[in-house]
Amino acid sequence: MSSARRPLLTATAAASLLGALWFVPSANASSDSPVRDAVSTSPSPQVTEQARIAATTADASVTGPRLADTGSFDSTPYVLGGTFCLALGAGFVVYSVRRERLGF
């Protein structure tokens, strides 16, 4: 490999790694900052009733912060990012094999 292309290959590998790490999710489910007060100082009757139901059905043995139930997980960006990185890696392999066979 010529020395002129080596920095380009290094930069491409670094960009690919950073692109792949961009799709790694962060685990910020709970925050360390205090919860802000709501706009209304008195909760609505529906909220109060829901809080009573949640308080009576909650498991008392759980201590510490719990993760919120946020619904279904949207995996579309991870699938697209993984597919892109896989295609990029396959392209590098094909390029390398082609260069080796043609004697570049």
PDB file of N, CA and C in Angstrom:
ATOM      1  N   MET A   1       0.850  -1.171   0.000  1.00  0.00           N
ATOM      2  CA  MET A   1       0.000   0.000   0.000  1.00  0.00           C
ATOM      3  C   MET A   1       0.895   1.233   0.000  1.00  0.00           C
ATOM      4  N   SER A   2       0.541   2.163  -0.825  1.00  0.00           N
ATOM      5  CA  SER A   2       1.367   3.369  -0.897  1.00  0.00           C
ATOM      6  C   SER A   2       1.169   4.212   0.352  1.00  0.00           C
ATOM      7  N   SER A   3       2.175   4.986   0.663  1.00  0.00           N
ATOM      8  CA  SER A   3       2.113   5.794   1.882  1.00  0.00           C
ATOM      9  C   SER A   3       1.151   6.967   1.734  1.00  0.00           C
ATOM     10  N   ALA A   4       0.796   7.322   0.496  1.00  0.00           N
ATOM     11  CA  ALA A   4      -0.137   8.426   0.293  1.00  0.00           C
ATOM     12  C   ALA A   4      -1.562   8.020   0.651  1.00  0.00           C
ATOM     13  N   ARG A   5      -1.900   6.748   0.520  1.00  0.00           N
ATOM     14  CA  ARG A   5      -3.259   6.304   0.803  1.00  0.00           C
ATOM     15  C   ARG A   5      -3.450   5.868   2.249  1.00  0.00           C
ATOM     16  N   ARG A   6      -2.376   5.670   2.966  1.00  0.00           N
ATOM     17  CA  ARG A   6      -2.478   5.207   4.346  1.00  0.00           C
ATOM     18  C   ARG A   6      -3.247   6.194   5.237  1.00  0.00           C
ATOM     19  N   PRO A   7      -3.001   7.516   5.181  1.00  0.00           N
ATOM     20  CA  PRO A   7      -3.793   8.434   6.010  1.00  0.00           C
ATOM     21  C   PRO A   7      -5.279   8.427   5.637  1.00  0.00           C
ATOM     22  N   LEU A   8      -5.560   8.240   4.351  1.00  0.00           N
ATOM     23  CA  LEU A   8      -6.956   8.182   3.926  1.00  0.00           C
ATOM     24  C   LEU A   8      -7.640   6.956   4.513  1.00  0.00           C
ATOM     25  N   LEU A   9      -6.947   5.831   4.505  1.00  0.00           N
ATOM     26  CA  LEU A   9      -7.512   4.607   5.073  1.00  0.00           C
ATOM     27  C   LEU A   9      -7.696   4.748   6.582  1.00  0.00           C
ATOM     28  N   THR A  10      -6.746   5.372   7.255  1.00  0.00           N
ATOM     29  CA  THR A  10      -6.862   5.583   8.699  1.00  0.00           C
ATOM     30  C   THR A  10      -8.041   6.503   9.015  1.00  0.00           C
ATOM     31  N   ALA A  11      -8.191   7.557   8.248  1.00  0.00           N
ATOM     32  CA  ALA A  11      -9.305   8.481   8.466  1.00  0.00           C
ATOM     33  C   ALA A  11     -10.642   7.799   8.193  1.00  0.00           C
ATOM     34  N   THR A  12     -10.690   6.954   7.184  1.00  0.00           N
ATOM     35  CA  THR A  12     -11.925   6.231   6.877  1.00  0.00           C
ATOM     36  C   THR A  12     -12.265   5.249   7.984  1.00  0.00           C
ATOM     37  N   ALA A  13     -11.258   4.552   8.504  1.00  0.00           N
ATOM     38  CA  ALA A  13     -11.503   3.613   9.594  1.00  0.00           C
ATOM     39  C   ALA A  13     -11.971   4.344  10.849  1.00  0.00           C
ATOM     40  N   ALA A  14     -11.374   5.489  11.147  1.00  0.00           N
ATOM     41  CA  ALA A  14     -11.785   6.266  12.318  1.00  0.00           C
ATOM     42  C   ALA A  14     -13.207   6.795  12.152  1.00  0.00           C
ATOM     43  N   ALA A  15     -13.535   7.265  10.956  1.00  0.00           N
ATOM     44  CA  ALA A  15     -14.896   7.759  10.710  1.00  0.00           C
ATOM     45  C   ALA A  15     -15.916   6.627  10.798  1.00  0.00           C
ATOM     46  N   SER A  16     -15.551   5.447  10.324  1.00  0.00           N
ATOM     47  CA  SER A  16     -16.458   4.304  10.425  1.00  0.00           C
ATOM     48  C   SER A  16     -16.687   3.918  11.880  1.00  0.00           C
ATOM     49  N   LEU A  17     -15.635   3.931  12.681  1.00  0.00           N
ATOM     50  CA  LEU A  17     -15.770   3.607  14.097  1.00  0.00           C
ATOM     51  C   LEU A  17     -16.639   4.634  14.810  1.00  0.00           C
ATOM     52  N   LEU A  18     -16.407   5.910  14.542  1.00  0.00           N
ATOM     53  CA  LEU A  18     -17.241   6.946  15.163  1.00  0.00           C
ATOM     54  C   LEU A  18     -18.686   6.852  14.699  1.00  0.00           C
ATOM     55  N   GLY A  19     -18.882   6.520  13.426  1.00  0.00           N
ATOM     56  CA  GLY A  19     -20.244   6.341  12.925  1.00  0.00           C
ATOM     57  C   GLY A  19     -20.950   5.178  13.595  1.00  0.00           C
ATOM     58  N   ALA A  20     -20.228   4.096  13.838  1.00  0.00           N
ATOM     59  CA  ALA A  20     -20.827   2.945  14.511  1.00  0.00           C
ATOM     60  C   ALA A  20     -21.129   3.264  15.970  1.00  0.00           C
ATOM     61  N   LEU A  21     -20.230   4.001  16.636  1.00  0.00           N
ATOM     62  CA  LEU A  21     -20.456   4.350  18.037  1.00  0.00           C
ATOM     63  C   LEU A  21     -21.586   5.355  18.214  1.00  0.00           C
ATOM     64  N   TRP A  22     -21.919   6.067  17.164  1.00  0.00           N
ATOM     65  CA  TRP A  22     -23.021   7.023  17.242  1.00  0.00           C
ATOM     66  C   TRP A  22     -24.346   6.314  17.513  1.00  0.00           C
ATOM     67  N   PHE A  23     -24.449   5.046  17.093  1.00  0.00           N
ATOM     68  CA  PHE A  23     -25.686   4.295  17.260  1.00  0.00           C
ATOM     69  C   PHE A  23     -25.761   3.547  18.585  1.00  0.00           C
ATOM     70  N   VAL A  24     -24.741   3.673  19.440  1.00  0.00           N
ATOM     71  CA  VAL A  24     -24.790   3.022  20.744  1.00  0.00           C
ATOM     72  C   VAL A  24     -25.708   3.845  21.640  1.00  0.00           C
ATOM     73  N   PRO A  25     -26.732   3.219  22.220  1.00  0.00           N
ATOM     74  CA  PRO A  25     -27.669   4.000  23.037  1.00  0.00           C
ATOM     75  C   PRO A  25     -27.051   4.408  24.362  1.00  0.00           C
ATOM     76  N   SER A  26     -27.545   5.501  24.921  1.00  0.00           N
ATOM     77  CA  SER A  26     -27.097   5.928  26.239  1.00  0.00           C
ATOM     78  C   SER A  26     -28.107   5.440  27.273  1.00  0.00           C
ATOM     79  N   ALA A  27     -27.660   5.285  28.505  1.00  0.00           N
ATOM     80  CA  ALA A  27     -28.520   4.749  29.558  1.00  0.00           C
ATOM     81  C   ALA A  27     -28.876   5.836  30.559  1.00  0.00           C
ATOM     82  N   ASN A  28     -29.503   6.889  30.100  1.00  0.00           N
ATOM     83  CA  ASN A  28     -29.910   7.980  30.973  1.00  0.00           C
ATOM     84  C   ASN A  28     -31.390   7.866  31.320  1.00  0.00           C
ATOM     85  N   ALA A  29     -31.771   6.763  31.965  1.00  0.00           N
ATOM     86  CA  ALA A  29     -33.175   6.555  32.288  1.00  0.00           C
ATOM     87  C   ALA A  29     -33.597   7.368  33.498  1.00  0.00           C
ATOM     88  N   SER A  30     -32.699   7.604  34.426  1.00  0.00           N
ATOM     89  CA  SER A  30     -33.017   8.424  35.587  1.00  0.00           C
ATOM     90  C   SER A  30     -32.011   9.566  35.655  1.00  0.00           C
ATOM     91  N   SER A  31     -32.477  10.686  36.174  1.00  0.00           N
ATOM     92  CA  SER A  31     -31.576  11.839  36.238  1.00  0.00           C
ATOM     93  C   SER A  31     -31.216  12.138  37.688  1.00  0.00           C
ATOM     94  N   ASP A  32     -30.096  12.824  37.856  1.00  0.00           N
ATOM     95  CA  ASP A  32     -29.654  13.192  39.191  1.00  0.00           C
ATOM     96  C   ASP A  32     -30.238  14.516  39.646  1.00  0.00           C
ATOM     97  N   SER A  33     -30.823  15.262  38.723  1.00  0.00           N
ATOM     98  CA  SER A  33     -31.377  16.564  39.079  1.00  0.00           C
ATOM     99  C   SER A  33     -32.760  16.384  39.701  1.00  0.00           C
ATOM    100  N   PRO A  34     -33.141  17.284  40.603  1.00  0.00           N
ATOM    101  CA  PRO A  34     -34.465  17.161  41.229  1.00  0.00           C
ATOM    102  C   PRO A  34     -35.579  17.428  40.224  1.00  0.00           C
ATOM    103  N   VAL A  35     -36.710  16.847  40.489  1.00  0.00           N
ATOM    104  CA  VAL A  35     -37.867  16.997  39.612  1.00  0.00           C
ATOM    105  C   VAL A  35     -38.463  18.380  39.823  1.00  0.00           C
ATOM    106  N   ARG A  36     -38.783  19.056  38.728  1.00  0.00           N
ATOM    107  CA  ARG A  36     -39.378  20.382  38.829  1.00  0.00           C
ATOM    108  C   ARG A  36     -40.837  20.281  39.242  1.00  0.00           C
ATOM    109  N   ASP A  37     -41.319  21.324  39.913  1.00  0.00           N
ATOM    110  CA  ASP A  37     -42.718  21.351  40.325  1.00  0.00           C
ATOM    111  C   ASP A  37     -43.606  21.529  39.102  1.00  0.00           C
ATOM    112  N   ALA A  38     -44.776  20.945  39.169  1.00  0.00           N
ATOM    113  CA  ALA A  38     -45.737  21.058  38.073  1.00  0.00           C
ATOM    114  C   ALA A  38     -46.338  22.468  38.071  1.00  0.00           C
ATOM    115  N   VAL A  39     -46.994  22.804  36.982  1.00  0.00           N
ATOM    116  CA  VAL A  39     -47.610  24.125  36.862  1.00  0.00           C
ATOM    117  C   VAL A  39     -48.734  24.266  37.873  1.00  0.00           C
ATOM    118  N   SER A  40     -49.527  23.233  37.992  1.00  0.00           N
ATOM    119  CA  SER A  40     -50.639  23.257  38.928  1.00  0.00           C
ATOM    120  C   SER A  40     -50.171  22.755  40.291  1.00  0.00           C
ATOM    121  N   THR A  41     -50.543  23.471  41.348  1.00  0.00           N
ATOM    122  CA  THR A  41     -50.126  23.037  42.684  1.00  0.00           C
ATOM    123  C   THR A  41     -51.019  21.937  43.221  1.00  0.00           C
ATOM    124  N   SER A  42     -52.250  21.858  42.769  1.00  0.00           N
ATOM    125  CA  SER A  42     -53.145  20.787  43.214  1.00  0.00           C
ATOM    126  C   SER A  42     -53.428  19.865  42.031  1.00  0.00           C
ATOM    127  N   PRO A  43     -53.174  18.575  42.186  1.00  0.00           N
ATOM    128  CA  PRO A  43     -53.387  17.659  41.071  1.00  0.00           C
ATOM    129  C   PRO A  43     -54.875  17.448  40.796  1.00  0.00           C
ATOM    130  N   SER A  44     -55.158  17.060  39.574  1.00  0.00           N
ATOM    131  CA  SER A  44     -56.546  16.807  39.201  1.00  0.00           C
ATOM    132  C   SER A  44     -57.027  15.526  39.881  1.00  0.00           C
ATOM    133  N   PRO A  45     -58.334  15.336  40.025  1.00  0.00           N
ATOM    134  CA  PRO A  45     -58.848  14.112  40.668  1.00  0.00           C
ATOM    135  C   PRO A  45     -58.417  12.837  39.938  1.00  0.00           C
ATOM    136  N   GLN A  46     -58.308  12.901  38.615  1.00  0.00           N
ATOM    137  CA  GLN A  46     -57.906  11.716  37.859  1.00  0.00           C
ATOM    138  C   GLN A  46     -56.456  11.341  38.183  1.00  0.00           C
ATOM    139  N   VAL A  47     -55.580  12.322  38.274  1.00  0.00           N
ATOM    140  CA  VAL A  47     -54.185  12.065  38.602  1.00  0.00           C
ATOM    141  C   VAL A  47     -54.073  11.512  40.015  1.00  0.00           C
ATOM    142  N   THR A  48     -54.842  12.066  40.938  1.00  0.00           N
ATOM    143  CA  THR A  48     -54.831  11.586  42.313  1.00  0.00           C
ATOM    144  C   THR A  48     -55.288  10.141  42.386  1.00  0.00           C
ATOM    145  N   GLU A  49     -56.341   9.810  41.656  1.00  0.00           N
ATOM    146  CA  GLU A  49     -56.848   8.430  41.651  1.00  0.00           C
ATOM    147  C   GLU A  49     -55.816   7.475  41.043  1.00  0.00           C
ATOM    148  N   GLN A  50     -55.172   7.886  39.962  1.00  0.00           N
ATOM    149  CA  GLN A  50     -54.145   7.043  39.351  1.00  0.00           C
ATOM    150  C   GLN A  50     -52.968   6.848  40.304  1.00  0.00           C
ATOM    151  N   ALA A  51     -52.616   7.876  41.040  1.00  0.00           N
ATOM    152  CA  ALA A  51     -51.510   7.766  41.990  1.00  0.00           C
ATOM    153  C   ALA A  51     -51.863   6.812  43.120  1.00  0.00           C
ATOM    154  N   ARG A  52     -53.115   6.855  43.570  1.00  0.00           N
ATOM    155  CA  ARG A  52     -53.532   5.933  44.632  1.00  0.00           C
ATOM    156  C   ARG A  52     -53.479   4.489  44.146  1.00  0.00           C
ATOM    157  N   ILE A  53     -53.947   4.261  42.925  1.00  0.00           N
ATOM    158  CA  ILE A  53     -53.931   2.901  42.371  1.00  0.00           C
ATOM    159  C   ILE A  53     -52.486   2.427  42.210  1.00  0.00           C
ATOM    160  N   ALA A  54     -51.628   3.304  41.708  1.00  0.00           N
ATOM    161  CA  ALA A  54     -50.228   2.931  41.518  1.00  0.00           C
ATOM    162  C   ALA A  54     -49.541   2.681  42.847  1.00  0.00           C
ATOM    163  N   ALA A  55     -49.892   3.456  43.871  1.00  0.00           N
ATOM    164  CA  ALA A  55     -49.258   3.284  45.174  1.00  0.00           C
ATOM    165  C   ALA A  55     -49.688   1.982  45.830  1.00  0.00           C
ATOM    166  N   THR A  56     -50.927   1.580  45.624  1.00  0.00           N
ATOM    167  CA  THR A  56     -51.393   0.338  46.251  1.00  0.00           C
ATOM    168  C   THR A  56     -50.904  -0.896  45.511  1.00  0.00           C
ATOM    169  N   THR A  57     -50.637  -0.782  44.202  1.00  0.00           N
ATOM    170  CA  THR A  57     -50.191  -1.955  43.441  1.00  0.00           C
ATOM    171  C   THR A  57     -48.678  -2.039  43.313  1.00  0.00           C
ATOM    172  N   ALA A  58     -47.969  -1.008  43.754  1.00  0.00           N
ATOM    173  CA  ALA A  58     -46.509  -1.014  43.616  1.00  0.00           C
ATOM    174  C   ALA A  58     -45.896  -2.029  44.574  1.00  0.00           C
ATOM    175  N   ASP A  59     -44.807  -2.592  44.151  1.00  0.00           N
ATOM    176  CA  ASP A  59     -44.097  -3.562  44.967  1.00  0.00           C
ATOM    177  C   ASP A  59     -43.291  -2.813  46.028  1.00  0.00           C
ATOM    178  N   ALA A  60     -43.532  -3.104  47.281  1.00  0.00           N
ATOM    179  CA  ALA A  60     -42.871  -2.389  48.366  1.00  0.00           C
ATOM    180  C   ALA A  60     -41.428  -2.827  48.543  1.00  0.00           C
ATOM    181  N   SER A  61     -41.039  -3.990  47.999  1.00  0.00           N
ATOM    182  CA  SER A  61     -39.677  -4.481  48.200  1.00  0.00           C
ATOM    183  C   SER A  61     -38.663  -3.798  47.289  1.00  0.00           C
ATOM    184  N   VAL A  62     -39.116  -3.073  46.288  1.00  0.00           N
ATOM    185  CA  VAL A  62     -38.201  -2.400  45.364  1.00  0.00           C
ATOM    186  C   VAL A  62     -37.744  -1.094  45.996  1.00  0.00           C
ATOM    187  N   THR A  63     -36.435  -0.962  46.158  1.00  0.00           N
ATOM    188  CA  THR A  63     -35.888   0.285  46.677  1.00  0.00           C
ATOM    189  C   THR A  63     -34.946   0.866  45.645  1.00  0.00           C
ATOM    190  N   GLY A  64     -34.852   2.162  45.600  1.00  0.00           N
ATOM    191  CA  GLY A  64     -33.988   2.810  44.624  1.00  0.00           C
ATOM    192  C   GLY A  64     -34.752   3.166  43.363  1.00  0.00           C
ATOM    193  N   PRO A  65     -34.065   3.785  42.414  1.00  0.00           N
ATOM    194  CA  PRO A  65     -34.729   4.216  41.175  1.00  0.00           C
ATOM    195  C   PRO A  65     -35.112   3.035  40.296  1.00  0.00           C
ATOM    196  N   ARG A  66     -36.262   3.146  39.657  1.00  0.00           N
ATOM    197  CA  ARG A  66     -36.733   2.131  38.722  1.00  0.00           C
ATOM    198  C   ARG A  66     -36.840   2.755  37.341  1.00  0.00           C
ATOM    199  N   LEU A  67     -36.660   1.947  36.322  1.00  0.00           N
ATOM    200  CA  LEU A  67     -36.761   2.455  34.959  1.00  0.00           C
ATOM    201  C   LEU A  67     -38.219   2.639  34.582  1.00  0.00           C
ATOM    202  N   ALA A  68     -38.471   3.647  33.792  1.00  0.00           N
ATOM    203  CA  ALA A  68     -39.835   3.923  33.359  1.00  0.00           C
ATOM    204  C   ALA A  68     -40.230   2.986  32.226  1.00  0.00           C
ATOM    205  N   ASP A  69     -41.503   2.654  32.171  1.00  0.00           N
ATOM    206  CA  ASP A  69     -42.032   1.855  31.076  1.00  0.00           C
ATOM    207  C   ASP A  69     -42.359   2.819  29.942  1.00  0.00           C
ATOM    208  N   THR A  70     -41.509   2.845  28.923  1.00  0.00           N
ATOM    209  CA  THR A  70     -41.665   3.830  27.857  1.00  0.00           C
ATOM    210  C   THR A  70     -42.334   3.261  26.616  1.00  0.00           C
ATOM    211  N   GLY A  71     -42.791   2.043  26.660  1.00  0.00           N
ATOM    212  CA  GLY A  71     -43.455   1.463  25.503  1.00  0.00           C
ATOM    213  C   GLY A  71     -42.501   0.652  24.663  1.00  0.00           C
ATOM    214  N   SER A  72     -42.845   0.487  23.406  1.00  0.00           N
ATOM    215  CA  SER A  72     -42.040  -0.352  22.527  1.00  0.00           C
ATOM    216  C   SER A  72     -40.742   0.358  22.156  1.00  0.00           C
ATOM    217  N   PHE A  73     -39.757  -0.441  21.836  1.00  0.00           N
ATOM    218  CA  PHE A  73     -38.428   0.059  21.511  1.00  0.00           C
ATOM    219  C   PHE A  73     -38.327   0.281  20.006  1.00  0.00           C
ATOM    220  N   ASP A  74     -37.938   1.484  19.581  1.00  0.00           N
ATOM    221  CA  ASP A  74     -37.792   1.786  18.158  1.00  0.00           C
ATOM    222  C   ASP A  74     -36.365   1.449  17.729  1.00  0.00           C
ATOM    223  N   SER A  75     -36.225   0.340  17.028  1.00  0.00           N
ATOM    224  CA  SER A  75     -34.899  -0.135  16.643  1.00  0.00           C
ATOM    225  C   SER A  75     -34.505   0.271  15.224  1.00  0.00           C
ATOM    226  N   THR A  76     -35.306   1.080  14.564  1.00  0.00           N
ATOM    227  CA  THR A  76     -35.030   1.449  13.171  1.00  0.00           C
ATOM    228  C   THR A  76     -33.661   2.101  12.974  1.00  0.00           C
ATOM    229  N   PRO A  77     -33.268   3.096  13.791  1.00  0.00           N
ATOM    230  CA  PRO A  77     -31.941   3.693  13.561  1.00  0.00           C
ATOM    231  C   PRO A  77     -30.804   2.702  13.759  1.00  0.00           C
ATOM    232  N   TYR A  78     -30.973   1.763  14.681  1.00  0.00           N
ATOM    233  CA  TYR A  78     -29.917   0.789  14.934  1.00  0.00           C
ATOM    234  C   TYR A  78     -29.802  -0.203  13.780  1.00  0.00           C
ATOM    235  N   VAL A  79     -30.930  -0.592  13.220  1.00  0.00           N
ATOM    236  CA  VAL A  79     -30.909  -1.514  12.084  1.00  0.00           C
ATOM    237  C   VAL A  79     -30.289  -0.827  10.865  1.00  0.00           C
ATOM    238  N   LEU A  80     -30.682   0.406  10.613  1.00  0.00           N
ATOM    239  CA  LEU A  80     -30.129   1.131   9.468  1.00  0.00           C
ATOM    240  C   LEU A  80     -28.638   1.402   9.643  1.00  0.00           C
ATOM    241  N   GLY A  81     -28.226   1.814  10.836  1.00  0.00           N
ATOM    242  CA  GLY A  81     -26.814   2.068  11.093  1.00  0.00           C
ATOM    243  C   GLY A  81     -25.986   0.802  11.006  1.00  0.00           C
ATOM    244  N   GLY A  82     -26.499  -0.293  11.540  1.00  0.00           N
ATOM    245  CA  GLY A  82     -25.790  -1.562  11.460  1.00  0.00           C
ATOM    246  C   GLY A  82     -25.665  -2.057  10.036  1.00  0.00           C
ATOM    247  N   THR A  83     -26.729  -1.895   9.258  1.00  0.00           N
ATOM    248  CA  THR A  83     -26.694  -2.299   7.851  1.00  0.00           C
ATOM    249  C   THR A  83     -25.678  -1.467   7.073  1.00  0.00           C
ATOM    250  N   PHE A  84     -25.651  -0.167   7.348  1.00  0.00           N
ATOM    251  CA  PHE A  84     -24.680   0.704   6.681  1.00  0.00           C
ATOM    252  C   PHE A  84     -23.253   0.296   7.019  1.00  0.00           C
ATOM    253  N   CYS A  85     -22.981   0.066   8.301  1.00  0.00           N
ATOM    254  CA  CYS A  85     -21.617  -0.312   8.708  1.00  0.00           C
ATOM    255  C   CYS A  85     -21.230  -1.676   8.152  1.00  0.00           C
ATOM    256  N   LEU A  86     -22.179  -2.603   8.083  1.00  0.00           N
ATOM    257  CA  LEU A  86     -21.906  -3.913   7.505  1.00  0.00           C
ATOM    258  C   LEU A  86     -21.596  -3.788   6.015  1.00  0.00           C
ATOM    259  N   ALA A  87     -22.363  -2.970   5.308  1.00  0.00           N
ATOM    260  CA  ALA A  87     -22.111  -2.765   3.878  1.00  0.00           C
ATOM    261  C   ALA A  87     -20.771  -2.066   3.654  1.00  0.00           C
ATOM    262  N   LEU A  88     -20.439  -1.111   4.516  1.00  0.00           N
ATOM    263  CA  LEU A  88     -19.157  -0.430   4.398  1.00  0.00           C
ATOM    264  C   LEU A  88     -17.998  -1.401   4.617  1.00  0.00           C
ATOM    265  N   GLY A  89     -18.106  -2.257   5.615  1.00  0.00           N
ATOM    266  CA  GLY A  89     -17.071  -3.255   5.872  1.00  0.00           C
ATOM    267  C   GLY A  89     -16.946  -4.250   4.740  1.00  0.00           C
ATOM    268  N   ALA A  90     -18.088  -4.694   4.196  1.00  0.00           N
ATOM    269  CA  ALA A  90     -18.050  -5.620   3.063  1.00  0.00           C
ATOM    270  C   ALA A  90     -17.416  -4.950   1.847  1.00  0.00           C
ATOM    271  N   GLY A  91     -17.694  -3.666   1.665  1.00  0.00           N
ATOM    272  CA  GLY A  91     -17.073  -2.933   0.568  1.00  0.00           C
ATOM    273  C   GLY A  91     -15.571  -2.856   0.717  1.00  0.00           C
ATOM    274  N   PHE A  92     -15.092  -2.641   1.936  1.00  0.00           N
ATOM    275  CA  PHE A  92     -13.647  -2.630   2.178  1.00  0.00           C
ATOM    276  C   PHE A  92     -13.016  -3.991   1.881  1.00  0.00           C
ATOM    277  N   VAL A  93     -13.704  -5.065   2.259  1.00  0.00           N
ATOM    278  CA  VAL A  93     -13.167  -6.406   1.991  1.00  0.00           C
ATOM    279  C   VAL A  93     -13.095  -6.654   0.488  1.00  0.00           C
ATOM    280  N   VAL A  94     -14.155  -6.319  -0.228  1.00  0.00           N
ATOM    281  CA  VAL A  94     -14.171  -6.514  -1.681  1.00  0.00           C
ATOM    282  C   VAL A  94     -13.079  -5.672  -2.336  1.00  0.00           C
ATOM    283  N   TYR A  95     -12.924  -4.444  -1.888  1.00  0.00           N
ATOM    284  CA  TYR A  95     -11.897  -3.560  -2.431  1.00  0.00           C
ATOM    285  C   TYR A  95     -10.500  -4.133  -2.188  1.00  0.00           C
ATOM    286  N   SER A  96     -10.269  -4.644  -0.993  1.00  0.00           N
ATOM    287  CA  SER A  96      -8.946  -5.194  -0.669  1.00  0.00           C
ATOM    288  C   SER A  96      -8.642  -6.444  -1.483  1.00  0.00           C
ATOM    289  N   VAL A  97      -9.622  -7.317  -1.627  1.00  0.00           N
ATOM    290  CA  VAL A  97      -9.418  -8.536  -2.419  1.00  0.00           C
ATOM    291  C   VAL A  97      -9.168  -8.174  -3.876  1.00  0.00           C
ATOM    292  N   ARG A  98      -9.896  -7.224  -4.376  1.00  0.00           N
ATOM    293  CA  ARG A  98      -9.723  -6.795  -5.772  1.00  0.00           C
ATOM    294  C   ARG A  98      -8.352  -6.216  -5.989  1.00  0.00           C
ATOM    295  N   ARG A  99      -7.885  -5.373  -5.057  1.00  0.00           N
ATOM    296  CA  ARG A  99      -6.543  -4.787  -5.177  1.00  0.00           C
ATOM    297  C   ARG A  99      -5.454  -5.862  -5.121  1.00  0.00           C
ATOM    298  N   GLU A 100      -5.656  -6.873  -4.272  1.00  0.00           N
ATOM    299  CA  GLU A 100      -4.659  -7.913  -4.131  1.00  0.00           C
ATOM    300  C   GLU A 100      -4.579  -8.764  -5.401  1.00  0.00           C
ATOM    301  N   ARG A 101      -5.723  -9.077  -5.989  1.00  0.00           N
ATOM    302  CA  ARG A 101      -5.738  -9.934  -7.174  1.00  0.00           C
ATOM    303  C   ARG A 101      -5.204  -9.213  -8.408  1.00  0.00           C
ATOM    304  N   LEU A 102      -5.433  -7.906  -8.480  1.00  0.00           N
ATOM    305  CA  LEU A 102      -4.956  -7.153  -9.643  1.00  0.00           C
ATOM    306  C   LEU A 102      -3.527  -6.653  -9.462  1.00  0.00           C
ATOM    307  N   GLY A 103      -2.983  -6.819  -8.266  1.00  0.00           N
ATOM    308  CA  GLY A 103      -1.580  -6.466  -8.031  1.00  0.00           C
ATOM    309  C   GLY A 103      -1.318  -4.988  -7.890  1.00  0.00           C
ATOM    310  N   PHE A 104      -2.242  -4.242  -7.340  1.00  0.00           N
ATOM    311  CA  PHE A 104      -2.024  -2.800  -7.140  1.00  0.00           C
ATOM    312  C   PHE A 104      -1.135  -2.554  -5.965  1.00  0.00           C
TER     313      PHE A 104
END
